[in-house]
Amino acid sequence: MSDSEFEQKRFSSVDALLRDLQERSDDMDSMTIQVANGIHTVGPQGERQFHPNAGGFIRLCDGSHIMIHREDAEALLNDGILQRMKIPCRLLPLYPDP
């Protein structure tokens, strides 16, 4: 399979996905989660803002957010600290469904 060809697979359940990954664990190198080059937000006065290289938000219990750099988001995911703390991660579509 060349770099331009991808195996596309839809799993019937998370358990089926995990079984497949365990069977292929010796074959896996990394996982890529594609993100946009920055994040668009709306400021306090309703103005559009662009934050280049932002990689995500940490949502706090009081409703506030901390914006983090893309490399910091990678570090959190790769370290596994969010999983150990039982903090869920979500992938937010760049363009929400209409």
Foldseek 3Di string as FASTA:
>chain_A
DDPVDDDDDDDPDVVRVVVVCVVCVVPDDDDDDDDDQWDWDADPVRHIDTGGQWCDWDADPVGDIDIHGNVVVVVCVVVCVCVVVVNDDDDDDNDDDD
